[in-house]
Amino acid sequence: MVRAIPAIAVLLIAVMLLFMQGNRPFMVPPGF
């Protein structure tokens, strides 16, 4: 359970980046 917390946090950050980038396919990496 403890090891899953960082993975969930990374997934949440990735979702936030996708929403900020707009409606794009998951294959397109966000611009840094």
PDB file of N, CA and C in Angstrom:
ATOM      1  N   MET A   1       0.836  -1.204   0.000  1.00  0.00           N
ATOM      2  CA  MET A   1       0.000   0.000   0.000  1.00  0.00           C
ATOM      3  C   MET A   1       0.871   1.254   0.000  1.00  0.00           C
ATOM      4  N   VAL A   2       1.934   1.217   0.808  1.00  0.00           N
ATOM      5  CA  VAL A   2       2.780   2.418   0.912  1.00  0.00           C
ATOM      6  C   VAL A   2       3.483   2.701  -0.409  1.00  0.00           C
ATOM      7  N   ARG A   3       3.898   1.639  -1.103  1.00  0.00           N
ATOM      8  CA  ARG A   3       4.620   1.837  -2.364  1.00  0.00           C
ATOM      9  C   ARG A   3       3.701   2.335  -3.468  1.00  0.00           C
ATOM     10  N   ALA A   4       2.398   2.140  -3.314  1.00  0.00           N
ATOM     11  CA  ALA A   4       1.457   2.567  -4.352  1.00  0.00           C
ATOM     12  C   ALA A   4       1.193   4.073  -4.286  1.00  0.00           C
ATOM     13  N   ILE A   5       1.464   4.681  -3.140  1.00  0.00           N
ATOM     14  CA  ILE A   5       1.170   6.114  -2.984  1.00  0.00           C
ATOM     15  C   ILE A   5       1.963   6.971  -3.975  1.00  0.00           C
ATOM     16  N   PRO A   6       3.285   6.798  -4.113  1.00  0.00           N
ATOM     17  CA  PRO A   6       4.034   7.610  -5.092  1.00  0.00           C
ATOM     18  C   PRO A   6       3.537   7.386  -6.513  1.00  0.00           C
ATOM     19  N   ALA A   7       3.177   6.153  -6.856  1.00  0.00           N
ATOM     20  CA  ALA A   7       2.695   5.872  -8.215  1.00  0.00           C
ATOM     21  C   ALA A   7       1.390   6.613  -8.464  1.00  0.00           C
ATOM     22  N   ILE A   8       0.503   6.623  -7.478  1.00  0.00           N
ATOM     23  CA  ILE A   8      -0.770   7.342  -7.631  1.00  0.00           C
ATOM     24  C   ILE A   8      -0.512   8.836  -7.782  1.00  0.00           C
ATOM     25  N   ALA A   9       0.441   9.357  -7.015  1.00  0.00           N
ATOM     26  CA  ALA A   9       0.757  10.786  -7.103  1.00  0.00           C
ATOM     27  C   ALA A   9       1.278  11.122  -8.498  1.00  0.00           C
ATOM     28  N   VAL A  10       2.136  10.275  -9.055  1.00  0.00           N
ATOM     29  CA  VAL A  10       2.670  10.514 -10.401  1.00  0.00           C
ATOM     30  C   VAL A  10       1.537  10.483 -11.418  1.00  0.00           C
ATOM     31  N   LEU A  11       0.606   9.553 -11.262  1.00  0.00           N
ATOM     32  CA  LEU A  11      -0.529   9.474 -12.197  1.00  0.00           C
ATOM     33  C   LEU A  11      -1.374  10.741 -12.101  1.00  0.00           C
ATOM     34  N   LEU A  12      -1.602  11.230 -10.899  1.00  0.00           N
ATOM     35  CA  LEU A  12      -2.397  12.453 -10.741  1.00  0.00           C
ATOM     36  C   LEU A  12      -1.694  13.633 -11.401  1.00  0.00           C
ATOM     37  N   ILE A  13      -0.370  13.734 -11.242  1.00  0.00           N
ATOM     38  CA  ILE A  13       0.377  14.827 -11.866  1.00  0.00           C
ATOM     39  C   ILE A  13       0.282  14.723 -13.390  1.00  0.00           C
ATOM     40  N   ALA A  14       0.388  13.488 -13.914  1.00  0.00           N
ATOM     41  CA  ALA A  14       0.299  13.303 -15.366  1.00  0.00           C
ATOM     42  C   ALA A  14      -1.076  13.730 -15.869  1.00  0.00           C
ATOM     43  N   VAL A  15      -2.124  13.386 -15.129  1.00  0.00           N
ATOM     44  CA  VAL A  15      -3.483  13.785 -15.541  1.00  0.00           C
ATOM     45  C   VAL A  15      -3.613  15.302 -15.516  1.00  0.00           C
ATOM     46  N   MET A  16      -3.055  15.948 -14.502  1.00  0.00           N
ATOM     47  CA  MET A  16      -3.121  17.407 -14.426  1.00  0.00           C
ATOM     48  C   MET A  16      -2.415  18.042 -15.612  1.00  0.00           C
ATOM     49  N   LEU A  17      -1.242  17.488 -15.987  1.00  0.00           N
ATOM     50  CA  LEU A  17      -0.513  18.021 -17.139  1.00  0.00           C
ATOM     51  C   LEU A  17      -1.334  17.859 -18.407  1.00  0.00           C
ATOM     52  N   LEU A  18      -2.001  16.703 -18.553  1.00  0.00           N
ATOM     53  CA  LEU A  18      -2.812  16.464 -19.749  1.00  0.00           C
ATOM     54  C   LEU A  18      -3.956  17.470 -19.818  1.00  0.00           C
ATOM     55  N   PHE A  19      -4.595  17.759 -18.677  1.00  0.00           N
ATOM     56  CA  PHE A  19      -5.698  18.717 -18.682  1.00  0.00           C
ATOM     57  C   PHE A  19      -5.192  20.116 -19.008  1.00  0.00           C
ATOM     58  N   MET A  20      -3.996  20.479 -18.521  1.00  0.00           N
ATOM     59  CA  MET A  20      -3.448  21.807 -18.800  1.00  0.00           C
ATOM     60  C   MET A  20      -3.076  21.930 -20.273  1.00  0.00           C
ATOM     61  N   GLN A  21      -2.616  20.831 -20.874  1.00  0.00           N
ATOM     62  CA  GLN A  21      -2.246  20.863 -22.292  1.00  0.00           C
ATOM     63  C   GLN A  21      -3.492  20.981 -23.155  1.00  0.00           C
ATOM     64  N   GLY A  22      -4.641  20.549 -22.662  1.00  0.00           N
ATOM     65  CA  GLY A  22      -5.863  20.599 -23.444  1.00  0.00           C
ATOM     66  C   GLY A  22      -6.250  19.206 -23.911  1.00  0.00           C
ATOM     67  N   ASN A  23      -7.176  19.139 -24.842  1.00  0.00           N
ATOM     68  CA  ASN A  23      -7.639  17.845 -25.336  1.00  0.00           C
ATOM     69  C   ASN A  23      -6.637  17.286 -26.335  1.00  0.00           C
ATOM     70  N   ARG A  24      -5.718  16.469 -25.858  1.00  0.00           N
ATOM     71  CA  ARG A  24      -4.707  15.857 -26.734  1.00  0.00           C
ATOM     72  C   ARG A  24      -4.667  14.361 -26.456  1.00  0.00           C
ATOM     73  N   PRO A  25      -4.235  13.566 -27.442  1.00  0.00           N
ATOM     74  CA  PRO A  25      -4.083  12.123 -27.212  1.00  0.00           C
ATOM     75  C   PRO A  25      -3.009  11.873 -26.162  1.00  0.00           C
ATOM     76  N   PHE A  26      -3.105  10.717 -25.480  1.00  0.00           N
ATOM     77  CA  PHE A  26      -2.131  10.392 -24.438  1.00  0.00           C
ATOM     78  C   PHE A  26      -0.744  10.161 -25.024  1.00  0.00           C
ATOM     79  N   MET A  27      -0.675   9.880 -26.342  1.00  0.00           N
ATOM     80  CA  MET A  27       0.618   9.604 -26.961  1.00  0.00           C
ATOM     81  C   MET A  27       1.450  10.880 -27.094  1.00  0.00           C
ATOM     82  N   VAL A  28       0.798  12.054 -27.082  1.00  0.00           N
ATOM     83  CA  VAL A  28       1.534  13.316 -27.251  1.00  0.00           C
ATOM     84  C   VAL A  28       2.088  13.762 -25.906  1.00  0.00           C
ATOM     85  N   PRO A  29       3.415  13.853 -25.770  1.00  0.00           N
ATOM     86  CA  PRO A  29       4.009  14.282 -24.495  1.00  0.00           C
ATOM     87  C   PRO A  29       3.815  15.783 -24.293  1.00  0.00           C
ATOM     88  N   PRO A  30       3.602  16.229 -23.056  1.00  0.00           N
ATOM     89  CA  PRO A  30       3.430  17.654 -22.776  1.00  0.00           C
ATOM     90  C   PRO A  30       4.732  18.416 -23.001  1.00  0.00           C
ATOM     91  N   GLY A  31       4.639  19.661 -23.429  1.00  0.00           N
ATOM     92  CA  GLY A  31       5.841  20.466 -23.671  1.00  0.00           C
ATOM     93  C   GLY A  31       6.426  20.973 -22.370  1.00  0.00           C
ATOM     94  N   PHE A  32       7.725  20.808 -22.191  1.00  0.00           N
ATOM     95  CA  PHE A  32       8.373  21.260 -20.956  1.00  0.00           C
ATOM     96  C   PHE A  32       9.021  22.619 -21.146  1.00  0.00           C
TER      97      PHE A  32
END
